[in-house]
Amino acid sequence: MTYALPPLNALRAFEAAARHLSFKLAAHELHVTAAAVGQQVKALEARLGVQLFERLHKQLILTAAGQAYLPGVSEGFRHIADATSQLKPEGAVLLQLGVHASLDLRRLDLAAFRSAHAEIGLRVLQPAGLHELVEGKVDLLIARSLGHHPGYRCNRIAEGTGLGDWLIAPEGTADCPEIVSFREWLRAQAVERARTGCPPRLVGGVGG
């Protein structure tokens, strides 16, 4: 059976905006900009041929069509989330990695890590930010930041100054074997990229 589905990113944008009745709050939840949420919703409305929101001055209101659409979309995401939570990656230890929205996961070659560390079950949450790390939804995080977070150990993934990608883990768990394994694997991968002239690289650290 082929499912006639709109793009899932557009559905996520609609569902989050409809729950919050705010593009700004939906953007915070999804770790994107409010403009990106608005564009996704506008594209979804164009695809469906139905207006889902009334956009008033400083106020977002669901239309009758939006109100009718929201419960089914939310229930669908709940089913997917429940099914996903029941899956257990292979490995004696589960490592949950958060990744910021704009990072292309192909850069990380996580299949190579899983192959090299069969004892670690790696699960990825994207998008994710410091909020998910603080709440314990992920064990470590690749974040787009300045890398200075008290109480967290930060290693920069690419050389340079200012904003960049950092591997961030709580100080209390930063030396757990599975986190050390991922950090060392990422460093080895970075060294290899540096040797072949292909960035990015994992360099120095910032303590909490």
N, C-alpha and C. Protein backbone atom coordinates (compact mmCIF):
# COMPACT_ATOMS: atom_id res chain seq x y z
N MET A 1 0.84 -1.20 0.00
CA MET A 1 0.00 0.00 0.00
C MET A 1 0.88 1.25 0.00
N THR A 2 0.56 2.19 -0.86
CA THR A 2 1.27 3.46 -0.91
C THR A 2 0.48 4.51 -0.16
N TYR A 3 1.14 5.15 0.81
CA TYR A 3 0.47 6.16 1.61
C TYR A 3 0.61 7.54 0.95
N ALA A 4 -0.51 8.23 0.79
CA ALA A 4 -0.49 9.58 0.23
C ALA A 4 -0.23 10.56 1.38
N LEU A 5 1.04 10.86 1.61
CA LEU A 5 1.43 11.70 2.75
C LEU A 5 2.08 12.99 2.28
N PRO A 6 1.75 14.10 2.94
CA PRO A 6 2.52 15.32 2.71
C PRO A 6 3.91 15.14 3.29
N PRO A 7 4.87 16.03 2.98
CA PRO A 7 6.20 15.94 3.58
C PRO A 7 6.12 15.95 5.11
N LEU A 8 6.85 15.04 5.75
CA LEU A 8 6.76 14.91 7.20
C LEU A 8 7.24 16.16 7.93
N ASN A 9 8.25 16.84 7.39
CA ASN A 9 8.71 18.07 8.03
C ASN A 9 7.61 19.12 8.06
N ALA A 10 6.83 19.19 7.00
CA ALA A 10 5.72 20.14 6.96
C ALA A 10 4.64 19.75 7.96
N LEU A 11 4.39 18.46 8.09
CA LEU A 11 3.41 18.00 9.07
C LEU A 11 3.87 18.29 10.50
N ARG A 12 5.17 18.09 10.75
CA ARG A 12 5.70 18.40 12.09
C ARG A 12 5.56 19.88 12.39
N ALA A 13 5.84 20.73 11.40
CA ALA A 13 5.71 22.17 11.60
C ALA A 13 4.26 22.54 11.90
N PHE A 14 3.32 21.98 11.14
CA PHE A 14 1.91 22.25 11.38
C PHE A 14 1.49 21.78 12.76
N GLU A 15 1.86 20.56 13.12
CA GLU A 15 1.42 19.99 14.40
C GLU A 15 1.95 20.79 15.58
N ALA A 16 3.22 21.18 15.52
CA ALA A 16 3.81 21.97 16.61
C ALA A 16 3.17 23.36 16.68
N ALA A 17 2.99 24.00 15.53
CA ALA A 17 2.39 25.33 15.50
C ALA A 17 0.95 25.29 15.98
N ALA A 18 0.24 24.22 15.64
CA ALA A 18 -1.15 24.11 16.05
C ALA A 18 -1.28 23.87 17.56
N ARG A 19 -0.36 23.12 18.12
CA ARG A 19 -0.39 22.89 19.57
C ARG A 19 -0.09 24.18 20.33
N HIS A 20 0.90 24.92 19.86
CA HIS A 20 1.32 26.14 20.56
C HIS A 20 0.54 27.37 20.11
N LEU A 21 -0.15 27.27 18.96
CA LEU A 21 -0.75 28.44 18.32
C LEU A 21 0.27 29.57 18.21
N SER A 22 1.47 29.15 17.79
CA SER A 22 2.58 30.10 17.66
C SER A 22 3.66 29.51 16.78
N PHE A 23 4.05 30.23 15.75
CA PHE A 23 5.19 29.79 14.93
C PHE A 23 6.48 29.90 15.73
N LYS A 24 6.58 30.92 16.59
CA LYS A 24 7.79 31.14 17.36
C LYS A 24 8.03 29.99 18.34
N LEU A 25 6.99 29.57 19.06
CA LEU A 25 7.14 28.48 20.03
C LEU A 25 7.37 27.15 19.32
N ALA A 26 6.71 26.97 18.18
CA ALA A 26 6.93 25.75 17.39
C ALA A 26 8.38 25.70 16.90
N ALA A 27 8.92 26.86 16.50
CA ALA A 27 10.30 26.92 16.03
C ALA A 27 11.26 26.56 17.15
N HIS A 28 10.98 27.03 18.37
CA HIS A 28 11.83 26.70 19.52
C HIS A 28 11.83 25.19 19.77
N GLU A 29 10.67 24.58 19.67
CA GLU A 29 10.56 23.13 19.88
C GLU A 29 11.31 22.35 18.81
N LEU A 30 11.24 22.81 17.57
CA LEU A 30 11.82 22.08 16.45
C LEU A 30 13.26 22.51 16.13
N HIS A 31 13.76 23.49 16.86
CA HIS A 31 15.13 23.98 16.67
C HIS A 31 15.36 24.52 15.25
N VAL A 32 14.37 25.28 14.78
CA VAL A 32 14.50 25.98 13.50
C VAL A 32 14.01 27.41 13.72
N THR A 33 13.97 28.21 12.68
CA THR A 33 13.49 29.58 12.81
C THR A 33 11.97 29.62 12.65
N ALA A 34 11.37 30.69 13.20
CA ALA A 34 9.93 30.86 13.03
C ALA A 34 9.57 31.02 11.56
N ALA A 35 10.45 31.68 10.81
CA ALA A 35 10.21 31.84 9.37
C ALA A 35 10.16 30.48 8.68
N ALA A 36 11.05 29.56 9.10
CA ALA A 36 11.06 28.22 8.49
C ALA A 36 9.77 27.48 8.79
N VAL A 37 9.26 27.60 10.01
CA VAL A 37 7.99 26.96 10.36
C VAL A 37 6.87 27.54 9.50
N GLY A 38 6.84 28.87 9.40
CA GLY A 38 5.81 29.51 8.59
C GLY A 38 5.85 29.08 7.13
N GLN A 39 7.06 28.93 6.59
CA GLN A 39 7.20 28.50 5.20
C GLN A 39 6.73 27.06 5.02
N GLN A 40 7.06 26.20 5.99
CA GLN A 40 6.62 24.80 5.91
C GLN A 40 5.09 24.70 5.95
N VAL A 41 4.49 25.48 6.84
CA VAL A 41 3.03 25.46 6.95
C VAL A 41 2.39 26.00 5.68
N LYS A 42 2.96 27.08 5.15
CA LYS A 42 2.42 27.67 3.91
C LYS A 42 2.52 26.66 2.76
N ALA A 43 3.65 25.93 2.69
CA ALA A 43 3.81 24.92 1.65
C ALA A 43 2.81 23.78 1.83
N LEU A 44 2.54 23.41 3.09
CA LEU A 44 1.57 22.35 3.36
C LEU A 44 0.18 22.80 2.93
N GLU A 45 -0.19 24.03 3.25
CA GLU A 45 -1.50 24.55 2.85
C GLU A 45 -1.63 24.56 1.33
N ALA A 46 -0.56 24.95 0.65
CA ALA A 46 -0.60 24.97 -0.81
C ALA A 46 -0.76 23.57 -1.38
N ARG A 47 -0.09 22.61 -0.76
CA ARG A 47 -0.17 21.22 -1.23
C ARG A 47 -1.56 20.65 -1.01
N LEU A 48 -2.14 20.96 0.14
CA LEU A 48 -3.46 20.41 0.49
C LEU A 48 -4.60 21.19 -0.16
N GLY A 49 -4.32 22.45 -0.54
CA GLY A 49 -5.38 23.30 -1.07
C GLY A 49 -6.36 23.74 -0.01
N VAL A 50 -5.90 23.79 1.24
CA VAL A 50 -6.75 24.12 2.38
C VAL A 50 -5.99 25.07 3.29
N GLN A 51 -6.67 26.11 3.78
CA GLN A 51 -6.05 27.01 4.75
C GLN A 51 -6.20 26.40 6.14
N LEU A 52 -5.08 26.25 6.86
CA LEU A 52 -5.08 25.61 8.16
C LEU A 52 -5.08 26.61 9.31
N PHE A 53 -4.57 27.82 9.05
CA PHE A 53 -4.47 28.84 10.09
C PHE A 53 -5.04 30.17 9.59
N GLU A 54 -5.63 30.91 10.52
CA GLU A 54 -5.91 32.33 10.31
C GLU A 54 -4.75 33.09 10.93
N ARG A 55 -4.07 33.90 10.14
CA ARG A 55 -2.92 34.65 10.62
C ARG A 55 -3.35 36.08 10.91
N LEU A 56 -3.63 36.34 12.18
CA LEU A 56 -4.05 37.66 12.61
C LEU A 56 -2.85 38.39 13.19
N HIS A 57 -3.04 39.66 13.52
CA HIS A 57 -1.95 40.45 14.09
C HIS A 57 -1.54 39.87 15.45
N LYS A 58 -0.32 39.34 15.52
CA LYS A 58 0.23 38.76 16.75
C LYS A 58 -0.63 37.62 17.29
N GLN A 59 -1.36 36.94 16.41
CA GLN A 59 -2.20 35.83 16.86
C GLN A 59 -2.37 34.82 15.74
N LEU A 60 -2.32 33.54 16.12
CA LEU A 60 -2.48 32.44 15.17
C LEU A 60 -3.70 31.63 15.61
N ILE A 61 -4.63 31.41 14.70
CA ILE A 61 -5.86 30.70 15.02
C ILE A 61 -6.06 29.58 14.02
N LEU A 62 -6.42 28.41 14.51
CA LEU A 62 -6.72 27.29 13.62
C LEU A 62 -8.05 27.53 12.92
N THR A 63 -8.09 27.27 11.62
CA THR A 63 -9.36 27.28 10.90
C THR A 63 -10.12 26.00 11.25
N ALA A 64 -11.33 25.90 10.78
CA ALA A 64 -12.11 24.67 11.00
C ALA A 64 -11.38 23.47 10.40
N ALA A 65 -10.77 23.67 9.24
CA ALA A 65 -10.02 22.58 8.60
C ALA A 65 -8.82 22.20 9.45
N GLY A 66 -8.11 23.20 10.00
CA GLY A 66 -6.96 22.93 10.85
C GLY A 66 -7.35 22.19 12.11
N GLN A 67 -8.47 22.58 12.71
CA GLN A 67 -8.96 21.90 13.91
C GLN A 67 -9.31 20.44 13.61
N ALA A 68 -9.87 20.19 12.45
CA ALA A 68 -10.24 18.82 12.09
C ALA A 68 -9.00 17.98 11.77
N TYR A 69 -7.96 18.63 11.23
CA TYR A 69 -6.75 17.91 10.80
C TYR A 69 -5.83 17.56 11.96
N LEU A 70 -5.77 18.45 12.97
CA LEU A 70 -4.79 18.31 14.04
C LEU A 70 -4.87 16.99 14.81
N PRO A 71 -6.05 16.52 15.27
CA PRO A 71 -6.07 15.29 16.08
C PRO A 71 -5.49 14.09 15.35
N GLY A 72 -5.80 13.93 14.09
CA GLY A 72 -5.28 12.79 13.34
C GLY A 72 -3.77 12.87 13.14
N VAL A 73 -3.26 14.07 12.86
CA VAL A 73 -1.82 14.24 12.69
C VAL A 73 -1.09 13.97 14.00
N SER A 74 -1.61 14.54 15.10
CA SER A 74 -0.99 14.32 16.42
C SER A 74 -1.00 12.84 16.80
N GLU A 75 -2.11 12.18 16.55
CA GLU A 75 -2.21 10.76 16.87
C GLU A 75 -1.22 9.95 16.03
N GLY A 76 -1.06 10.32 14.78
CA GLY A 76 -0.10 9.63 13.93
C GLY A 76 1.32 9.75 14.47
N PHE A 77 1.71 10.95 14.89
CA PHE A 77 3.04 11.14 15.46
C PHE A 77 3.20 10.37 16.77
N ARG A 78 2.14 10.31 17.57
CA ARG A 78 2.21 9.55 18.83
C ARG A 78 2.45 8.07 18.54
N HIS A 79 1.76 7.53 17.53
CA HIS A 79 1.96 6.12 17.17
C HIS A 79 3.39 5.87 16.71
N ILE A 80 3.93 6.77 15.91
CA ILE A 80 5.30 6.63 15.44
C ILE A 80 6.27 6.70 16.61
N ALA A 81 6.05 7.66 17.52
CA ALA A 81 6.94 7.80 18.68
C ALA A 81 6.88 6.56 19.57
N ASP A 82 5.68 6.03 19.79
CA ASP A 82 5.53 4.83 20.62
C ASP A 82 6.23 3.63 19.99
N ALA A 83 6.05 3.47 18.68
CA ALA A 83 6.69 2.36 17.98
C ALA A 83 8.20 2.49 18.03
N THR A 84 8.69 3.72 17.89
CA THR A 84 10.13 3.96 17.91
C THR A 84 10.72 3.66 19.28
N SER A 85 10.00 4.07 20.34
CA SER A 85 10.51 3.87 21.69
C SER A 85 10.64 2.40 22.05
N GLN A 86 9.89 1.54 21.37
CA GLN A 86 9.95 0.11 21.66
C GLN A 86 11.11 -0.59 20.95
N LEU A 87 11.70 0.10 19.97
CA LEU A 87 12.86 -0.47 19.28
C LEU A 87 14.11 -0.30 20.13
N LYS A 88 14.91 -1.32 20.25
CA LYS A 88 16.15 -1.26 21.02
C LYS A 88 17.33 -1.53 20.08
N PRO A 89 18.19 -0.53 19.90
CA PRO A 89 19.38 -0.77 19.06
C PRO A 89 20.21 -1.91 19.62
N GLU A 90 20.89 -2.63 18.74
CA GLU A 90 21.77 -3.70 19.20
C GLU A 90 22.91 -3.11 20.01
N GLY A 91 23.32 -3.85 21.03
CA GLY A 91 24.40 -3.40 21.89
C GLY A 91 24.01 -3.48 23.35
N ALA A 92 24.97 -3.72 24.21
CA ALA A 92 24.70 -3.87 25.64
C ALA A 92 24.38 -2.54 26.29
N VAL A 93 24.89 -1.42 25.72
CA VAL A 93 24.71 -0.10 26.30
C VAL A 93 24.08 0.81 25.26
N LEU A 94 23.07 1.55 25.67
CA LEU A 94 22.40 2.48 24.76
C LEU A 94 23.01 3.87 24.91
N LEU A 95 23.44 4.45 23.79
CA LEU A 95 23.97 5.80 23.76
C LEU A 95 23.05 6.65 22.89
N GLN A 96 22.50 7.70 23.48
CA GLN A 96 21.56 8.55 22.75
C GLN A 96 22.24 9.88 22.39
N LEU A 97 22.41 10.09 21.11
CA LEU A 97 23.12 11.25 20.59
C LEU A 97 22.13 12.26 20.02
N GLY A 98 22.21 13.49 20.51
CA GLY A 98 21.42 14.57 19.94
C GLY A 98 22.24 15.34 18.91
N VAL A 99 21.58 15.80 17.85
CA VAL A 99 22.27 16.50 16.77
C VAL A 99 21.43 17.70 16.36
N HIS A 100 22.09 18.85 16.17
CA HIS A 100 21.34 20.04 15.78
C HIS A 100 20.77 19.88 14.37
N ALA A 101 19.75 20.66 14.08
CA ALA A 101 18.93 20.44 12.90
C ALA A 101 19.68 20.57 11.58
N SER A 102 20.67 21.46 11.53
CA SER A 102 21.29 21.76 10.23
C SER A 102 22.45 20.85 9.87
N LEU A 103 22.83 19.93 10.77
CA LEU A 103 23.97 19.06 10.48
C LEU A 103 23.54 17.88 9.60
N ASP A 104 24.26 17.67 8.52
CA ASP A 104 24.01 16.54 7.64
C ASP A 104 24.62 15.29 8.28
N LEU A 105 23.78 14.34 8.67
CA LEU A 105 24.27 13.14 9.37
C LEU A 105 25.24 12.33 8.53
N ARG A 106 25.22 12.50 7.22
CA ARG A 106 26.15 11.76 6.38
C ARG A 106 27.59 12.14 6.67
N ARG A 107 27.79 13.35 7.22
CA ARG A 107 29.15 13.77 7.58
C ARG A 107 29.73 12.90 8.68
N LEU A 108 28.87 12.32 9.52
CA LEU A 108 29.34 11.57 10.68
C LEU A 108 29.63 10.11 10.39
N ASP A 109 29.02 9.55 9.33
CA ASP A 109 29.22 8.13 9.00
C ASP A 109 28.99 7.26 10.24
N LEU A 110 27.80 7.38 10.83
CA LEU A 110 27.51 6.67 12.07
C LEU A 110 27.48 5.15 11.88
N ALA A 111 27.27 4.70 10.65
CA ALA A 111 27.32 3.26 10.40
C ALA A 111 28.70 2.71 10.73
N ALA A 112 29.74 3.51 10.46
CA ALA A 112 31.10 3.07 10.77
C ALA A 112 31.30 2.96 12.28
N PHE A 113 30.72 3.89 13.03
CA PHE A 113 30.83 3.81 14.49
C PHE A 113 30.11 2.56 15.00
N ARG A 114 28.92 2.31 14.50
CA ARG A 114 28.15 1.14 14.95
C ARG A 114 28.91 -0.15 14.61
N SER A 115 29.56 -0.17 13.46
CA SER A 115 30.32 -1.35 13.06
C SER A 115 31.52 -1.56 13.96
N ALA A 116 32.17 -0.45 14.34
CA ALA A 116 33.38 -0.55 15.17
C ALA A 116 33.06 -0.79 16.64
N HIS A 117 31.83 -0.45 17.06
CA HIS A 117 31.46 -0.57 18.47
C HIS A 117 30.11 -1.29 18.59
N ALA A 118 30.14 -2.58 18.28
CA ALA A 118 28.92 -3.37 18.31
C ALA A 118 28.32 -3.45 19.71
N GLU A 119 29.14 -3.17 20.74
CA GLU A 119 28.65 -3.25 22.11
C GLU A 119 27.81 -2.03 22.50
N ILE A 120 27.81 -1.00 21.66
CA ILE A 120 27.06 0.23 21.95
C ILE A 120 25.90 0.35 20.98
N GLY A 121 24.72 0.48 21.52
CA GLY A 121 23.54 0.74 20.70
C GLY A 121 23.36 2.24 20.56
N LEU A 122 23.59 2.77 19.38
CA LEU A 122 23.55 4.22 19.15
C LEU A 122 22.20 4.62 18.57
N ARG A 123 21.56 5.58 19.24
CA ARG A 123 20.30 6.14 18.74
C ARG A 123 20.48 7.64 18.58
N VAL A 124 19.93 8.20 17.50
CA VAL A 124 20.12 9.62 17.19
C VAL A 124 18.79 10.35 17.25
N LEU A 125 18.80 11.51 17.92
CA LEU A 125 17.65 12.41 17.95
C LEU A 125 18.03 13.69 17.22
N GLN A 126 17.32 13.97 16.14
CA GLN A 126 17.55 15.20 15.37
C GLN A 126 16.21 15.77 14.93
N PRO A 127 15.92 17.04 15.21
CA PRO A 127 16.81 18.02 15.84
C PRO A 127 16.82 17.89 17.35
N ALA A 128 17.91 18.32 17.95
CA ALA A 128 18.04 18.34 19.40
C ALA A 128 18.96 19.48 19.79
N GLY A 129 18.76 19.98 21.01
CA GLY A 129 19.60 21.07 21.50
C GLY A 129 19.89 20.89 22.97
N LEU A 130 20.38 21.93 23.62
CA LEU A 130 20.74 21.85 25.03
C LEU A 130 19.55 21.48 25.90
N HIS A 131 18.36 21.89 25.49
CA HIS A 131 17.15 21.56 26.25
C HIS A 131 17.02 20.05 26.41
N GLU A 132 17.22 19.32 25.31
CA GLU A 132 17.10 17.85 25.37
C GLU A 132 18.22 17.24 26.20
N LEU A 133 19.42 17.84 26.17
CA LEU A 133 20.54 17.34 26.96
C LEU A 133 20.27 17.57 28.45
N VAL A 134 19.80 18.75 28.80
CA VAL A 134 19.50 19.07 30.20
C VAL A 134 18.40 18.15 30.74
N GLU A 135 17.40 17.86 29.92
CA GLU A 135 16.29 17.02 30.36
C GLU A 135 16.62 15.54 30.35
N GLY A 136 17.81 15.17 29.87
CA GLY A 136 18.20 13.77 29.84
C GLY A 136 17.63 12.98 28.70
N LYS A 137 17.09 13.67 27.69
CA LYS A 137 16.56 12.96 26.53
C LYS A 137 17.68 12.43 25.64
N VAL A 138 18.86 13.05 25.73
CA VAL A 138 20.05 12.57 25.03
C VAL A 138 21.21 12.55 26.02
N ASP A 139 22.21 11.71 25.73
CA ASP A 139 23.37 11.57 26.60
C ASP A 139 24.49 12.53 26.23
N LEU A 140 24.59 12.85 24.97
CA LEU A 140 25.55 13.83 24.49
C LEU A 140 24.98 14.50 23.26
N LEU A 141 25.59 15.62 22.89
CA LEU A 141 24.96 16.49 21.90
C LEU A 141 26.01 17.06 20.97
N ILE A 142 25.67 17.07 19.69
CA ILE A 142 26.43 17.88 18.73
C ILE A 142 25.61 19.13 18.50
N ALA A 143 26.13 20.27 19.00
CA ALA A 143 25.38 21.51 18.99
C ALA A 143 26.09 22.57 18.17
N ARG A 144 25.31 23.47 17.64
CA ARG A 144 25.84 24.64 16.95
C ARG A 144 25.88 25.76 17.98
N SER A 145 27.05 26.05 18.52
CA SER A 145 27.13 26.97 19.65
C SER A 145 28.53 27.56 19.73
N LEU A 146 28.76 28.30 20.82
CA LEU A 146 30.08 28.86 21.09
C LEU A 146 30.89 27.94 21.98
N GLY A 147 30.28 26.86 22.49
CA GLY A 147 31.02 25.84 23.22
C GLY A 147 31.33 26.15 24.67
N HIS A 148 30.70 27.16 25.27
CA HIS A 148 30.96 27.49 26.67
C HIS A 148 29.68 27.25 27.47
N HIS A 149 29.60 26.11 28.13
CA HIS A 149 28.42 25.74 28.90
C HIS A 149 28.86 25.19 30.25
N PRO A 150 28.74 25.97 31.32
CA PRO A 150 29.17 25.50 32.65
C PRO A 150 28.53 24.18 33.02
N GLY A 151 29.36 23.25 33.52
CA GLY A 151 28.87 21.94 33.90
C GLY A 151 28.91 20.92 32.78
N TYR A 152 29.39 21.34 31.60
CA TYR A 152 29.44 20.44 30.46
C TYR A 152 30.84 20.45 29.85
N ARG A 153 31.26 19.30 29.35
CA ARG A 153 32.53 19.21 28.64
C ARG A 153 32.27 19.40 27.16
N CYS A 154 33.01 20.30 26.54
CA CYS A 154 32.77 20.67 25.15
C CYS A 154 34.03 20.46 24.32
N ASN A 155 33.89 19.79 23.21
CA ASN A 155 34.98 19.61 22.25
C ASN A 155 34.54 20.14 20.90
N ARG A 156 35.35 21.02 20.34
CA ARG A 156 34.98 21.60 19.05
C ARG A 156 35.23 20.60 17.93
N ILE A 157 34.32 20.53 16.98
CA ILE A 157 34.44 19.57 15.88
C ILE A 157 35.23 20.16 14.72
N ALA A 158 35.21 21.47 14.56
CA ALA A 158 35.97 22.11 13.48
C ALA A 158 36.75 23.28 14.05
N GLU A 159 37.98 23.44 13.58
CA GLU A 159 38.80 24.55 14.05
C GLU A 159 38.21 25.88 13.64
N GLY A 160 38.54 26.91 14.43
CA GLY A 160 38.08 28.24 14.10
C GLY A 160 37.63 28.98 15.34
N THR A 161 37.13 30.18 15.14
CA THR A 161 36.63 30.98 16.24
C THR A 161 35.16 31.28 16.00
N GLY A 162 34.47 31.67 17.08
CA GLY A 162 33.06 32.00 16.94
C GLY A 162 32.19 30.76 16.91
N LEU A 163 31.03 30.91 16.28
CA LEU A 163 30.04 29.84 16.25
C LEU A 163 30.57 28.63 15.50
N GLY A 164 30.31 27.43 16.04
CA GLY A 164 30.77 26.20 15.40
C GLY A 164 30.06 24.99 15.96
N ASP A 165 30.37 23.81 15.44
CA ASP A 165 29.79 22.56 15.93
C ASP A 165 30.64 22.03 17.08
N TRP A 166 29.98 21.69 18.19
CA TRP A 166 30.67 21.18 19.38
C TRP A 166 30.03 19.89 19.86
N LEU A 167 30.86 18.98 20.35
CA LEU A 167 30.39 17.77 21.01
C LEU A 167 30.31 18.08 22.50
N ILE A 168 29.11 17.98 23.06
CA ILE A 168 28.86 18.43 24.43
C ILE A 168 28.29 17.28 25.26
N ALA A 169 28.88 17.06 26.45
CA ALA A 169 28.41 16.01 27.37
C ALA A 169 28.47 16.55 28.79
N PRO A 170 27.55 16.14 29.67
CA PRO A 170 27.60 16.58 31.06
C PRO A 170 28.91 16.14 31.71
N GLU A 171 29.50 17.00 32.55
CA GLU A 171 30.75 16.67 33.21
C GLU A 171 30.64 15.36 34.00
N GLY A 172 29.48 15.12 34.59
CA GLY A 172 29.32 13.93 35.42
C GLY A 172 29.35 12.62 34.66
N THR A 173 29.04 12.66 33.38
CA THR A 173 29.00 11.43 32.58
C THR A 173 29.97 11.47 31.40
N ALA A 174 30.74 12.55 31.27
CA ALA A 174 31.61 12.73 30.10
C ALA A 174 32.66 11.64 29.96
N ASP A 175 32.99 10.96 31.07
CA ASP A 175 34.00 9.91 31.03
C ASP A 175 33.41 8.50 31.05
N CYS A 176 32.09 8.39 30.84
CA CYS A 176 31.48 7.07 30.71
C CYS A 176 32.07 6.38 29.47
N PRO A 177 32.26 5.06 29.53
CA PRO A 177 32.95 4.37 28.42
C PRO A 177 32.31 4.61 27.06
N GLU A 178 30.98 4.60 26.99
CA GLU A 178 30.34 4.76 25.69
C GLU A 178 30.53 6.17 25.13
N ILE A 179 30.55 7.18 26.01
CA ILE A 179 30.77 8.54 25.56
C ILE A 179 32.22 8.74 25.16
N VAL A 180 33.14 8.19 25.95
CA VAL A 180 34.55 8.24 25.60
C VAL A 180 34.79 7.57 24.25
N SER A 181 34.14 6.43 24.03
CA SER A 181 34.31 5.72 22.76
C SER A 181 33.85 6.57 21.59
N PHE A 182 32.71 7.26 21.75
CA PHE A 182 32.22 8.09 20.65
C PHE A 182 33.13 9.29 20.43
N ARG A 183 33.60 9.91 21.51
CA ARG A 183 34.49 11.06 21.40
C ARG A 183 35.79 10.67 20.70
N GLU A 184 36.36 9.53 21.12
CA GLU A 184 37.63 9.08 20.53
C GLU A 184 37.43 8.68 19.08
N TRP A 185 36.29 8.06 18.77
CA TRP A 185 36.01 7.68 17.38
C TRP A 185 35.86 8.92 16.51
N LEU A 186 35.17 9.93 17.04
CA LEU A 186 34.99 11.17 16.29
C LEU A 186 36.33 11.86 16.08
N ARG A 187 37.20 11.81 17.11
CA ARG A 187 38.53 12.41 16.97
C ARG A 187 39.36 11.67 15.93
N ALA A 188 39.30 10.32 15.96
CA ALA A 188 40.05 9.54 14.96
C ALA A 188 39.54 9.81 13.56
N GLN A 189 38.23 9.95 13.43
CA GLN A 189 37.65 10.27 12.14
C GLN A 189 38.13 11.65 11.67
N ALA A 190 38.19 12.59 12.62
CA ALA A 190 38.65 13.94 12.29
C ALA A 190 40.11 13.94 11.87
N VAL A 191 40.94 13.15 12.55
CA VAL A 191 42.35 13.05 12.19
C VAL A 191 42.50 12.52 10.77
N GLU A 192 41.70 11.52 10.45
CA GLU A 192 41.76 10.95 9.10
C GLU A 192 41.35 11.97 8.05
N ARG A 193 40.30 12.75 8.38
CA ARG A 193 39.87 13.79 7.44
C ARG A 193 40.95 14.85 7.27
N ALA A 194 41.61 15.19 8.40
CA ALA A 194 42.69 16.17 8.32
C ALA A 194 43.83 15.65 7.46
N ARG A 195 44.12 14.35 7.59
CA ARG A 195 45.22 13.75 6.82
C ARG A 195 44.93 13.79 5.33
N THR A 196 43.67 13.59 4.98
CA THR A 196 43.29 13.59 3.57
C THR A 196 42.86 14.96 3.07
N GLY A 197 42.91 15.95 4.01
CA GLY A 197 42.56 17.31 3.61
C GLY A 197 41.08 17.57 3.55
N CYS A 198 40.28 16.73 4.27
CA CYS A 198 38.82 16.90 4.27
C CYS A 198 38.36 17.28 5.67
N PRO A 199 37.96 18.54 5.92
CA PRO A 199 37.44 18.94 7.23
C PRO A 199 36.06 18.32 7.43
N PRO A 200 35.44 18.29 8.64
CA PRO A 200 35.86 19.03 9.81
C PRO A 200 36.75 18.21 10.73
N ARG A 201 37.32 18.87 11.78
CA ARG A 201 38.17 18.18 12.73
C ARG A 201 37.68 18.45 14.16
N LEU A 202 37.87 17.46 15.02
CA LEU A 202 37.58 17.63 16.43
C LEU A 202 38.86 18.12 17.10
N VAL A 203 38.79 19.29 17.71
CA VAL A 203 39.98 19.86 18.32
C VAL A 203 39.66 20.21 19.77
N GLY A 204 40.66 20.72 20.50
CA GLY A 204 40.61 21.10 21.90
C GLY A 204 39.30 21.05 22.65
N GLY A 205 39.33 21.18 23.93
CA GLY A 205 38.12 21.09 24.73
C GLY A 205 37.89 22.31 25.59
N VAL A 206 36.67 22.44 26.05
CA VAL A 206 36.30 23.47 26.99
C VAL A 206 35.60 22.79 28.15
N GLY A 207 36.11 22.94 29.35
CA GLY A 207 35.49 22.30 30.50
C GLY A 207 34.41 23.18 31.10
N GLY A 208 33.61 22.57 32.02
CA GLY A 208 32.56 23.34 32.64
C GLY A 208 33.11 24.14 33.79
